[in-house]
Amino acid sequence: PLAEAHQLHLNVERFRVAEIPFQPSIIGIDQAGLVEVIDGVFRRLGTSAASRLAANILLTGGLSRLPNLKDRLELELRTLLPAGTSLNIRHLDPHLAAWKGAASVAQSS
C-alpha cells in the first residue's frame, strides 16, 4: 500500500553515525579517529605535558552533543594513559562556549 512506499528503514546506520568520530573508515574516510588524534598529541608532548593536558580536556561544539560522547572518550583515553594519570573531561555548552571564551579573552588585559 501507499504507506509502505513512504517508509524509511534504518538498520545499523543509526548506530554507526555516532561511531564515525572514532572510526572514520566506516564511511570511507582515510584518517585518524578522535582517540587516535588525541593519542598522537599526547605522544608528541611527552609524559609531563600530556598529563597536564589530560587533566584539562574540554568538549564543546555540535559534535559534543552526541549521547555518551564524554563517557566513551573517557573510557578510551584511560586505556592510553599511564595508570594513575588524572583525566578530567569537561563538557561545556556547545552553543555558547566559544562565544563566552572569546568574551572572556576580550575583557582581560
Protein backbone atom coordinates (compact mmCIF):
# COMPACT_ATOMS: atom_id res chain seq x y z
CA PRO A 1 0.00 0.00 0.00
CA LEU A 2 0.81 3.67 -0.14
CA ALA A 3 2.07 3.87 3.48
CA GLU A 4 4.75 1.26 2.82
CA ALA A 5 6.07 3.24 -0.15
CA HIS A 6 6.94 6.15 2.15
CA GLN A 7 8.74 4.25 4.89
CA LEU A 8 12.39 4.70 5.72
CA HIS A 9 14.10 1.61 7.04
CA LEU A 10 17.07 2.07 9.35
CA ASN A 11 19.38 -0.81 10.04
CA VAL A 12 22.81 -0.33 11.53
CA GLU A 13 23.20 3.20 10.15
CA ARG A 14 21.68 4.87 13.19
CA PHE A 15 24.32 3.26 15.41
CA ARG A 16 27.19 3.94 13.05
CA VAL A 17 26.62 7.70 12.93
CA ALA A 18 27.90 8.14 16.48
CA GLU A 19 30.83 5.84 15.70
CA ILE A 20 32.17 7.96 12.83
CA PRO A 21 34.28 10.32 15.01
CA PHE A 22 36.04 7.26 16.44
CA GLN A 23 36.29 5.24 13.20
CA PRO A 24 36.07 7.49 10.10
CA SER A 25 36.99 4.49 7.94
CA ILE A 26 33.47 3.06 8.26
CA ILE A 27 32.28 5.74 5.84
CA GLY A 28 35.36 5.54 3.63
CA ILE A 29 37.41 8.39 5.09
CA ASP A 30 41.08 7.52 5.43
CA GLN A 31 42.06 9.50 8.52
CA ALA A 32 42.59 9.01 12.23
CA GLY A 33 39.70 8.93 14.64
CA LEU A 34 39.25 11.20 17.64
CA VAL A 35 41.10 8.99 20.11
CA GLU A 36 43.96 8.38 17.68
CA VAL A 37 44.41 12.12 17.17
CA ILE A 38 44.44 12.81 20.92
CA ASP A 39 46.89 9.94 21.45
CA GLY A 40 49.17 11.44 18.79
CA VAL A 41 49.11 14.78 20.60
CA PHE A 42 49.89 13.09 23.92
CA ARG A 43 52.85 11.24 22.38
CA ARG A 44 54.30 14.39 20.82
CA LEU A 45 54.03 16.35 24.05
CA GLY A 46 55.79 13.89 26.30
CA THR A 47 54.64 12.45 29.61
CA SER A 48 54.61 15.57 31.76
CA ALA A 49 52.78 17.84 29.31
CA ALA A 50 50.41 15.05 28.28
CA SER A 51 49.46 14.52 31.94
CA ARG A 52 48.64 18.21 32.33
CA LEU A 53 46.63 18.17 29.12
CA ALA A 54 44.72 15.03 30.13
CA ALA A 55 43.69 16.76 33.34
CA ASN A 56 42.04 19.57 31.37
CA ILE A 57 40.19 18.34 28.27
CA LEU A 58 37.28 20.43 27.06
CA LEU A 59 34.43 19.16 24.87
CA THR A 60 32.39 21.76 23.05
CA GLY A 61 30.74 22.29 19.69
CA GLY A 62 27.93 20.46 17.96
CA LEU A 63 29.67 17.07 17.94
CA SER A 64 29.91 17.14 21.73
CA ARG A 65 26.12 16.77 21.85
CA LEU A 66 26.36 13.13 20.76
CA PRO A 67 24.91 10.98 23.56
CA ASN A 68 27.59 9.43 25.80
CA LEU A 69 30.47 11.01 23.85
CA LYS A 70 32.18 12.15 27.05
CA ASP A 71 31.88 8.70 28.66
CA ARG A 72 33.18 6.91 25.56
CA LEU A 73 36.08 9.32 25.19
CA GLU A 74 36.99 8.93 28.85
CA LEU A 75 36.86 5.14 28.62
CA GLU A 76 39.10 5.00 25.56
CA LEU A 77 41.58 7.62 26.78
CA ARG A 78 42.03 5.83 30.12
CA THR A 79 43.38 2.82 28.23
CA LEU A 80 46.06 5.03 26.64
CA LEU A 81 47.21 6.90 29.72
CA PRO A 82 49.57 5.55 32.38
CA ALA A 83 47.82 4.24 35.50
CA GLY A 84 47.09 6.99 37.99
CA THR A 85 47.10 9.79 35.42
CA SER A 86 44.40 12.34 36.17
CA LEU A 87 41.82 12.55 33.39
CA ASN A 88 39.28 15.34 33.52
CA ILE A 89 36.94 15.87 30.59
CA ARG A 90 34.62 18.84 30.89
CA HIS A 91 31.60 19.31 28.67
CA LEU A 92 30.54 22.91 28.12
CA ASP A 93 27.52 24.37 26.40
CA PRO A 94 28.10 23.61 22.71
CA HIS A 95 26.19 26.69 21.62
CA LEU A 96 27.78 29.41 23.74
CA ALA A 97 31.16 28.13 24.95
CA ALA A 98 33.18 29.64 22.09
CA TRP A 99 31.43 32.99 22.46
CA LYS A 100 31.89 33.04 26.24
CA GLY A 101 35.57 32.16 25.87
CA ALA A 102 36.13 34.91 23.32
CA ALA A 103 34.25 37.39 25.52
CA SER A 104 36.45 36.46 28.46
CA VAL A 105 39.63 36.97 26.43
CA ALA A 106 38.35 40.30 25.11
CA GLN A 107 37.67 41.53 28.65
CA SER A 108 41.07 40.52 30.00
CA SER A 109 44.16 42.65 29.71
